[in-house]
N, C-alpha and C. Protein backbone atom coordinates (compact mmCIF):
# COMPACT_ATOMS: atom_id res chain seq x y z
N MET A 1 -49.83 46.04 61.39
CA MET A 1 -50.20 46.30 60.20
C MET A 1 -48.68 45.63 59.81
N ASN A 2 -48.52 44.42 59.20
CA ASN A 2 -46.83 44.41 59.02
C ASN A 2 -47.04 44.23 57.25
N LEU A 3 -46.44 45.36 56.70
CA LEU A 3 -46.43 45.28 55.25
C LEU A 3 -45.02 44.63 54.36
N ARG A 4 -44.58 44.29 55.52
CA ARG A 4 -43.07 43.71 55.05
C ARG A 4 -43.49 42.54 54.29
N ARG A 5 -42.58 41.77 52.83
CA ARG A 5 -42.89 40.53 52.91
C ARG A 5 -42.21 39.61 53.18
N ARG A 6 -42.89 38.67 53.39
CA ARG A 6 -42.47 37.21 53.63
C ARG A 6 -40.97 37.24 52.54
N LYS A 7 -40.05 37.05 53.37
CA LYS A 7 -39.00 35.51 52.32
C LYS A 7 -39.93 34.53 51.68
N LYS A 8 -39.26 34.79 50.34
CA LYS A 8 -39.45 33.10 49.38
C LYS A 8 -38.37 32.58 49.53
N GLY A 9 -38.93 31.23 49.90
CA GLY A 9 -37.06 30.62 49.40
C GLY A 9 -36.59 30.76 47.61
N HIS A 10 -35.12 31.30 47.97
CA HIS A 10 -34.61 31.40 47.44
C HIS A 10 -34.80 30.69 45.78
N ALA A 11 -34.28 31.36 45.12
CA ALA A 11 -34.48 29.87 43.34
C ALA A 11 -32.89 29.69 42.96
N GLU A 12 -33.25 28.56 43.03
CA GLU A 12 -31.61 27.66 42.87
C GLU A 12 -32.30 27.01 41.16
N MET A 13 -30.79 26.80 40.15
CA MET A 13 -30.59 25.83 39.32
C MET A 13 -29.98 24.92 39.87
N HIS A 14 -30.27 23.86 38.85
CA HIS A 14 -29.47 22.38 39.22
C HIS A 14 -28.29 22.43 38.25
N ASN A 15 -26.74 22.38 38.33
CA ASN A 15 -26.35 22.98 37.02
C ASN A 15 -25.53 21.73 37.38
N GLY A 16 -25.37 20.17 37.74
CA GLY A 16 -24.90 19.39 37.89
C GLY A 16 -24.71 18.62 37.04
N ALA A 17 -25.45 19.11 35.83
CA ALA A 17 -25.99 17.75 34.45
C ALA A 17 -25.08 18.99 33.47
N LEU A 18 -24.95 19.95 33.81
CA LEU A 18 -24.04 21.39 32.51
C LEU A 18 -23.10 21.22 32.18
N ASN A 19 -22.01 20.82 33.66
CA ASN A 19 -20.97 20.25 32.88
C ASN A 19 -20.81 19.44 31.88
N ASP A 20 -21.19 18.37 32.44
CA ASP A 20 -21.61 17.26 30.97
C ASP A 20 -21.75 17.56 29.69
N ILE A 21 -22.30 17.89 29.96
CA ILE A 21 -23.87 18.58 28.20
C ILE A 21 -21.65 20.19 27.53
N LEU A 22 -21.28 20.88 28.11
CA LEU A 22 -21.04 21.38 27.66
C LEU A 22 -19.53 20.65 26.94
N PHE A 23 -19.31 19.54 28.25
CA PHE A 23 -18.26 18.56 27.98
C PHE A 23 -18.34 17.96 26.65
N ILE A 24 -19.50 17.55 26.26
CA ILE A 24 -19.67 16.97 25.77
C ILE A 24 -19.71 17.53 23.97
N LEU A 25 -20.39 18.61 24.19
CA LEU A 25 -20.55 19.62 23.03
C LEU A 25 -19.20 20.28 22.69
N LEU A 26 -18.17 20.35 23.95
CA LEU A 26 -16.29 20.23 23.07
C LEU A 26 -15.97 19.56 22.23
N LEU A 27 -16.23 18.10 23.35
CA LEU A 27 -15.79 17.56 21.91
C LEU A 27 -16.80 16.62 20.55
N PHE A 28 -17.61 17.46 20.86
CA PHE A 28 -18.70 17.36 19.63
C PHE A 28 -17.42 18.31 18.86
N PHE A 29 -17.59 19.87 18.53
CA PHE A 29 -16.91 20.37 17.97
C PHE A 29 -15.48 20.53 17.93
N LEU A 30 -14.87 19.94 18.76
CA LEU A 30 -13.12 19.22 18.05
C LEU A 30 -13.31 18.45 17.25
N ILE A 31 -14.49 17.55 17.07
CA ILE A 31 -14.26 16.51 15.95
C ILE A 31 -14.29 17.08 14.42
N VAL A 32 -15.60 17.01 14.60
CA VAL A 32 -16.09 17.89 13.11
C VAL A 32 -15.21 18.69 12.89
N SER A 33 -14.32 19.91 13.88
CA SER A 33 -13.34 20.62 13.18
C SER A 33 -12.12 19.75 13.09
N SER A 34 -11.94 19.15 12.91
CA SER A 34 -10.43 18.53 12.59
C SER A 34 -10.99 17.48 11.01
N LEU A 35 -12.35 17.05 11.26
CA LEU A 35 -12.72 16.69 9.89
C LEU A 35 -13.27 17.04 8.61
N ALA A 36 -13.36 18.88 9.39
CA ALA A 36 -12.99 19.67 7.97
C ALA A 36 -12.23 20.59 7.57
N ASN A 37 -12.05 20.39 6.47
CA ASN A 37 -10.68 21.22 5.36
C ASN A 37 -10.99 21.84 4.80
N PRO A 38 -11.03 22.73 5.15
CA PRO A 38 -11.73 25.02 4.85
C PRO A 38 -10.32 24.65 3.01
N ASN A 39 -9.33 24.26 2.91
CA ASN A 39 -8.03 24.46 1.75
C ASN A 39 -8.72 22.72 1.14
N VAL A 40 -10.10 22.65 0.96
CA VAL A 40 -10.30 21.43 0.03
C VAL A 40 -10.54 22.38 -1.86
N ILE A 41 -9.86 22.07 -2.52
CA ILE A 41 -10.70 22.32 -4.01
C ILE A 41 -11.40 21.69 -4.33
N LYS A 42 -12.50 22.23 -4.74
CA LYS A 42 -13.31 21.03 -5.19
C LYS A 42 -13.32 20.98 -6.78
N LEU A 43 -13.40 19.73 -7.90
CA LEU A 43 -12.57 19.98 -8.31
C LEU A 43 -13.94 18.39 -9.45
N MET A 44 -14.02 18.48 -10.60
CA MET A 44 -15.09 17.35 -11.29
C MET A 44 -14.15 16.95 -12.34
N LEU A 45 -14.11 15.85 -11.47
CA LEU A 45 -13.22 14.76 -12.00
C LEU A 45 -13.47 13.93 -13.65
N PRO A 46 -13.14 13.75 -14.77
CA PRO A 46 -13.56 12.62 -15.63
C PRO A 46 -13.84 11.46 -15.10
N LYS A 47 -14.57 10.94 -15.21
CA LYS A 47 -14.94 9.64 -15.18
C LYS A 47 -14.18 8.60 -16.12
N ALA A 48 -13.51 7.46 -15.74
CA ALA A 48 -13.22 6.55 -16.31
C ALA A 48 -13.70 4.83 -16.43
N LYS A 49 -14.10 3.87 -17.41
CA LYS A 49 -14.41 2.63 -17.29
C LYS A 49 -13.12 2.24 -15.97
N SER A 50 -12.57 2.00 -16.26
CA SER A 50 -11.34 1.44 -15.61
C SER A 50 -10.67 2.31 -14.46
N ASN A 51 -9.97 1.77 -13.04
CA ASN A 51 -9.81 2.31 -12.18
C ASN A 51 -8.49 2.93 -12.59
N THR A 52 -7.28 2.04 -12.35
CA THR A 52 -6.63 2.99 -12.52
C THR A 52 -5.13 1.86 -13.80
N LYS A 53 -4.22 2.10 -13.97
CA LYS A 53 -3.22 1.43 -15.21
C LYS A 53 -2.99 0.24 -14.68
N ALA A 54 -3.05 -0.71 -15.40
CA ALA A 54 -2.47 -2.11 -14.09
C ALA A 54 -1.63 -1.82 -14.79
N LYS A 55 -0.40 -2.89 -13.64
CA LYS A 55 0.95 -2.80 -13.98
C LYS A 55 2.07 -3.66 -14.77
N GLN A 56 2.34 -3.32 -15.25
CA GLN A 56 3.05 -4.33 -16.19
C GLN A 56 4.28 -4.95 -15.22
N THR A 57 3.51 -6.24 -15.42
CA THR A 57 4.61 -7.42 -14.71
C THR A 57 5.77 -8.36 -15.09
N VAL A 58 6.74 -8.82 -15.27
CA VAL A 58 7.06 -10.12 -16.32
C VAL A 58 7.90 -10.67 -15.25
N VAL A 59 8.13 -11.63 -15.60
CA VAL A 59 8.46 -13.09 -14.86
C VAL A 59 9.36 -13.60 -15.64
N VAL A 60 10.80 -12.69 -14.43
CA VAL A 60 12.17 -13.99 -14.56
C VAL A 60 12.61 -14.80 -14.01
N SER A 61 12.40 -16.67 -14.46
CA SER A 61 12.89 -17.26 -13.70
C SER A 61 14.09 -18.08 -14.05
N ILE A 62 14.83 -18.21 -12.83
CA ILE A 62 16.13 -19.16 -12.48
C ILE A 62 16.29 -20.50 -12.35
N ASP A 63 16.91 -20.77 -13.00
CA ASP A 63 16.43 -22.42 -12.66
C ASP A 63 17.98 -23.06 -11.96
N ALA A 64 17.74 -24.61 -11.69
CA ALA A 64 19.24 -25.03 -10.59
C ALA A 64 20.50 -24.93 -12.27
N GLY A 65 20.27 -24.82 -12.80
CA GLY A 65 21.05 -23.95 -13.87
C GLY A 65 22.27 -23.42 -14.17
N GLN A 66 20.89 -21.91 -13.20
CA GLN A 66 20.89 -20.84 -14.41
C GLN A 66 20.64 -20.60 -15.64
N GLN A 67 19.94 -21.40 -15.76
CA GLN A 67 19.18 -21.31 -17.02
C GLN A 67 18.11 -19.13 -16.82
N PHE A 68 18.23 -18.76 -17.28
CA PHE A 68 17.27 -17.66 -17.51
C PHE A 68 15.64 -18.35 -18.09
N TYR A 69 15.17 -17.99 -17.83
CA TYR A 69 13.33 -17.30 -18.63
C TYR A 69 12.52 -16.15 -18.22
N VAL A 70 12.75 -15.95 -19.93
CA VAL A 70 11.06 -14.79 -19.40
C VAL A 70 10.80 -14.81 -19.94
N GLY A 71 9.31 -15.13 -18.53
CA GLY A 71 8.30 -15.66 -19.48
C GLY A 71 8.21 -17.11 -18.87
N THR A 72 8.00 -17.35 -20.71
CA THR A 72 8.55 -19.49 -20.57
C THR A 72 9.02 -19.18 -22.03
N GLN A 73 9.85 -18.09 -22.10
CA GLN A 73 11.54 -18.50 -23.05
C GLN A 73 12.34 -18.52 -22.26
N LYS A 74 13.25 -19.19 -22.74
CA LYS A 74 14.27 -19.50 -22.69
C LYS A 74 15.42 -18.33 -23.08
N VAL A 75 16.63 -17.36 -22.63
CA VAL A 75 17.51 -17.37 -22.86
C VAL A 75 18.77 -17.57 -22.70
N SER A 76 19.79 -16.63 -22.79
CA SER A 76 21.02 -16.52 -22.36
C SER A 76 20.94 -15.18 -21.38
N PHE A 77 22.11 -15.02 -20.15
CA PHE A 77 22.11 -14.40 -20.10
C PHE A 77 22.32 -12.51 -20.86
N GLU A 78 23.21 -12.99 -21.25
CA GLU A 78 23.54 -12.26 -22.68
C GLU A 78 22.77 -11.50 -23.06
N GLN A 79 21.60 -12.46 -23.00
CA GLN A 79 19.83 -11.73 -24.38
C GLN A 79 19.44 -11.40 -23.05
N LEU A 80 19.50 -11.24 -21.55
CA LEU A 80 18.34 -10.76 -21.51
C LEU A 80 17.88 -9.61 -20.89
N ARG A 81 18.59 -8.68 -20.95
CA ARG A 81 18.76 -6.97 -21.02
C ARG A 81 18.10 -6.84 -22.28
N ALA A 82 18.05 -7.99 -23.32
CA ALA A 82 17.39 -6.84 -25.07
C ALA A 82 16.14 -7.39 -25.41
N THR A 83 15.91 -8.72 -23.73
CA THR A 83 14.64 -9.20 -24.30
C THR A 83 13.50 -8.43 -23.59
N LEU A 84 14.11 -8.20 -22.19
CA LEU A 84 13.59 -7.04 -21.62
C LEU A 84 13.29 -5.87 -21.90
N VAL A 85 13.89 -5.43 -22.82
CA VAL A 85 13.64 -4.33 -23.35
C VAL A 85 12.18 -3.65 -24.11
N PRO A 86 11.43 -4.63 -25.04
CA PRO A 86 10.34 -4.47 -25.49
C PRO A 86 9.51 -4.65 -24.31
N LYS A 87 9.96 -5.36 -23.23
CA LYS A 87 7.95 -6.31 -22.16
C LYS A 87 8.64 -5.05 -21.27
N ILE A 88 9.26 -3.99 -20.68
CA ILE A 88 9.45 -2.87 -20.05
C ILE A 88 8.83 -1.78 -20.94
N PRO A 89 7.76 -0.81 -21.43
CA PRO A 89 8.01 0.02 -22.63
C PRO A 89 8.21 1.09 -21.08
N VAL A 90 8.71 2.66 -22.31
CA VAL A 90 8.97 3.55 -21.32
C VAL A 90 7.96 4.43 -20.93
N GLY A 91 7.68 4.72 -19.72
CA GLY A 91 6.84 5.31 -19.45
C GLY A 91 5.09 5.40 -18.72
N GLU A 92 5.66 3.25 -18.27
CA GLU A 92 4.75 2.66 -17.72
C GLU A 92 5.13 3.51 -16.58
N VAL A 93 4.11 2.79 -15.76
CA VAL A 93 3.89 3.04 -14.31
C VAL A 93 3.96 1.32 -13.65
N ASP A 94 5.12 1.91 -12.77
CA ASP A 94 5.37 1.15 -12.08
C ASP A 94 5.83 -0.16 -13.13
N PRO A 95 6.75 -0.18 -13.56
CA PRO A 95 6.82 -1.80 -14.29
C PRO A 95 7.40 -2.38 -12.97
N THR A 96 7.44 -3.66 -13.27
CA THR A 96 7.38 -4.68 -11.70
C THR A 96 8.50 -5.84 -12.88
N ILE A 97 9.33 -5.93 -11.99
CA ILE A 97 10.41 -7.72 -12.54
C ILE A 97 10.44 -8.72 -11.10
N VAL A 98 9.61 -9.47 -11.88
CA VAL A 98 9.46 -10.24 -11.02
C VAL A 98 10.34 -11.78 -10.62
N ILE A 99 11.58 -11.86 -9.81
CA ILE A 99 12.49 -12.95 -10.12
C ILE A 99 11.59 -14.19 -9.04
N ASN A 100 11.96 -15.41 -10.29
CA ASN A 100 11.41 -16.88 -9.48
C ASN A 100 12.66 -17.95 -9.88
N ALA A 101 13.93 -17.59 -7.99
CA ALA A 101 14.54 -18.72 -8.31
C ALA A 101 15.41 -19.24 -7.95
N GLU A 102 15.37 -20.47 -8.08
CA GLU A 102 15.50 -21.78 -7.22
C GLU A 102 16.51 -20.80 -5.83
N GLU A 103 16.57 -22.41 -5.26
CA GLU A 103 16.96 -21.86 -3.45
C GLU A 103 18.60 -22.37 -4.13
N SER A 104 19.09 -23.10 -4.73
CA SER A 104 20.78 -23.32 -5.70
C SER A 104 21.44 -22.23 -5.78
N VAL A 105 20.66 -21.12 -6.48
CA VAL A 105 20.76 -19.78 -7.23
C VAL A 105 22.31 -19.55 -7.03
N PRO A 106 23.10 -19.26 -7.36
CA PRO A 106 24.01 -18.06 -6.49
C PRO A 106 23.12 -17.33 -6.07
N ILE A 107 23.85 -16.03 -5.31
CA ILE A 107 22.77 -14.57 -4.85
C ILE A 107 23.29 -13.92 -5.87
N SER A 108 24.48 -13.94 -6.72
CA SER A 108 24.92 -13.04 -7.55
C SER A 108 24.33 -13.30 -9.51
N ALA A 109 23.29 -14.02 -8.95
CA ALA A 109 22.97 -14.80 -10.03
C ALA A 109 21.61 -13.85 -9.85
N VAL A 110 20.91 -13.97 -9.06
CA VAL A 110 19.50 -13.33 -8.79
C VAL A 110 20.25 -11.55 -8.72
N VAL A 111 20.88 -11.17 -8.41
CA VAL A 111 21.58 -9.78 -7.80
C VAL A 111 21.59 -8.70 -9.22
N SER A 112 21.77 -9.65 -10.41
CA SER A 112 22.51 -9.49 -12.01
C SER A 112 21.14 -8.76 -12.75
N VAL A 113 20.18 -10.09 -12.55
CA VAL A 113 19.13 -9.60 -13.21
C VAL A 113 18.61 -8.14 -12.37
N MET A 114 18.43 -8.07 -10.73
CA MET A 114 18.29 -7.05 -9.98
C MET A 114 18.72 -5.97 -10.12
N GLN A 115 19.98 -5.55 -10.76
CA GLN A 115 20.55 -4.33 -10.95
C GLN A 115 20.69 -3.99 -12.71
N ILE A 116 20.05 -4.93 -14.10
CA ILE A 116 19.52 -4.86 -15.10
C ILE A 116 17.78 -3.99 -14.83
N ALA A 117 16.93 -4.67 -14.01
CA ALA A 117 15.94 -4.57 -13.88
C ALA A 117 16.13 -2.99 -13.66
N ARG A 118 16.90 -2.35 -12.36
CA ARG A 118 17.03 -1.77 -12.32
C ARG A 118 17.87 -0.53 -13.58
N GLU A 119 18.63 -1.01 -13.97
CA GLU A 119 19.02 0.61 -15.31
C GLU A 119 17.49 0.92 -16.03
N LEU A 120 16.96 -0.73 -16.37
CA LEU A 120 15.28 -0.03 -16.98
C LEU A 120 14.68 0.28 -16.02
N GLY A 121 14.99 0.73 -15.59
CA GLY A 121 13.27 1.34 -14.45
C GLY A 121 12.37 1.03 -13.35
N ALA A 122 12.93 -0.39 -13.91
CA ALA A 122 11.81 -1.57 -13.28
C ALA A 122 12.02 -1.76 -11.69
N LYS A 123 10.90 -1.91 -11.03
CA LYS A 123 11.14 -2.53 -9.20
C LYS A 123 11.20 -4.16 -9.55
N THR A 124 12.13 -4.38 -8.33
CA THR A 124 12.14 -6.00 -8.87
C THR A 124 11.45 -6.19 -6.92
N VAL A 125 10.77 -7.70 -7.53
CA VAL A 125 9.93 -8.42 -6.98
C VAL A 125 11.09 -10.32 -6.70
N LEU A 126 11.22 -10.07 -5.33
CA LEU A 126 11.83 -11.55 -5.16
C LEU A 126 10.38 -13.00 -4.85
N GLY A 127 10.22 -13.37 -5.58
CA GLY A 127 9.27 -14.64 -5.41
C GLY A 127 10.34 -15.81 -4.42
N THR A 128 8.58 -15.73 -3.94
CA THR A 128 8.51 -17.28 -2.34
C THR A 128 7.75 -18.34 -2.41
N ALA A 129 8.11 -19.06 -2.13
CA ALA A 129 7.44 -20.61 -2.07
C ALA A 129 6.09 -20.11 -0.59
N ASN A 130 4.92 -20.89 -0.81
CA ASN A 130 4.47 -20.38 0.37
C ASN A 130 4.50 -21.19 1.26
N PRO A 131 4.48 -20.18 3.12
CA PRO A 131 4.65 -20.60 3.83
C PRO A 131 4.34 -21.96 3.98
N GLN A 132 3.38 -22.66 3.79
CA GLN A 132 2.19 -23.33 3.73
C GLN A 132 2.43 -24.18 3.36
N SER A 133 2.47 -24.15 2.39
CA SER A 133 3.24 -25.13 1.18
C SER A 133 4.56 -25.85 1.27
N ALA A 134 5.69 -24.73 1.59
CA ALA A 134 6.55 -25.67 2.24
C ALA A 134 6.90 -25.76 3.21
N ALA A 135 5.62 -25.68 4.77
CA ALA A 135 6.32 -26.51 5.91
C ALA A 135 5.25 -27.40 5.31
N ALA A 136 4.67 -28.12 4.86
CA ALA A 136 3.95 -29.33 4.29
C ALA A 136 4.87 -29.98 3.63
N ALA A 137 5.82 -29.36 2.72
CA ALA A 137 6.89 -30.61 1.87
C ALA A 137 8.18 -31.50 3.12
N PRO A 138 8.57 -32.00 2.55
CA PRO A 138 9.44 -32.73 3.19
C PRO A 138 10.66 -32.55 2.78
N ALA A 139 11.87 -32.13 3.89
CA ALA A 139 12.66 -31.65 4.02
C ALA A 139 13.26 -32.83 3.19
N ASN A 140 14.78 -32.49 1.93
CA ASN A 140 15.30 -33.15 1.83
C ASN A 140 16.94 -33.39 2.32
N LYS A 141 16.56 -33.27 3.29
CA LYS A 141 18.35 -32.97 4.55
C LYS A 141 18.47 -34.84 5.16
């Protein structure tokens, strides 16, 4: 009588998909850990009716005859600074002066307006024509 046990088949585990699953889990935890910021302080912020304070913008126009306009009011260059001071209040959030100048105006006039704006603490933006409307306009040459 043979009391030995017969050898049964080896128990095998198929681990072909195990590498894929571990790789996906690794990517998931890397992405989640980069999104979570543990150094954030949670505060209850007050609610307001409007999002932000509107920027203060003043338009300075210079025509071909080097005449200066603040809005629609015609001013001389000597009065330009005095006219701009009340329009740009102190402590205003990013006050901006938009400069509209004709093509024939010398750059020195535009730079002088920019210098006054810098002294008043305002940013300057140079207004230009819309490229589409400029392309549609006939050339005067």
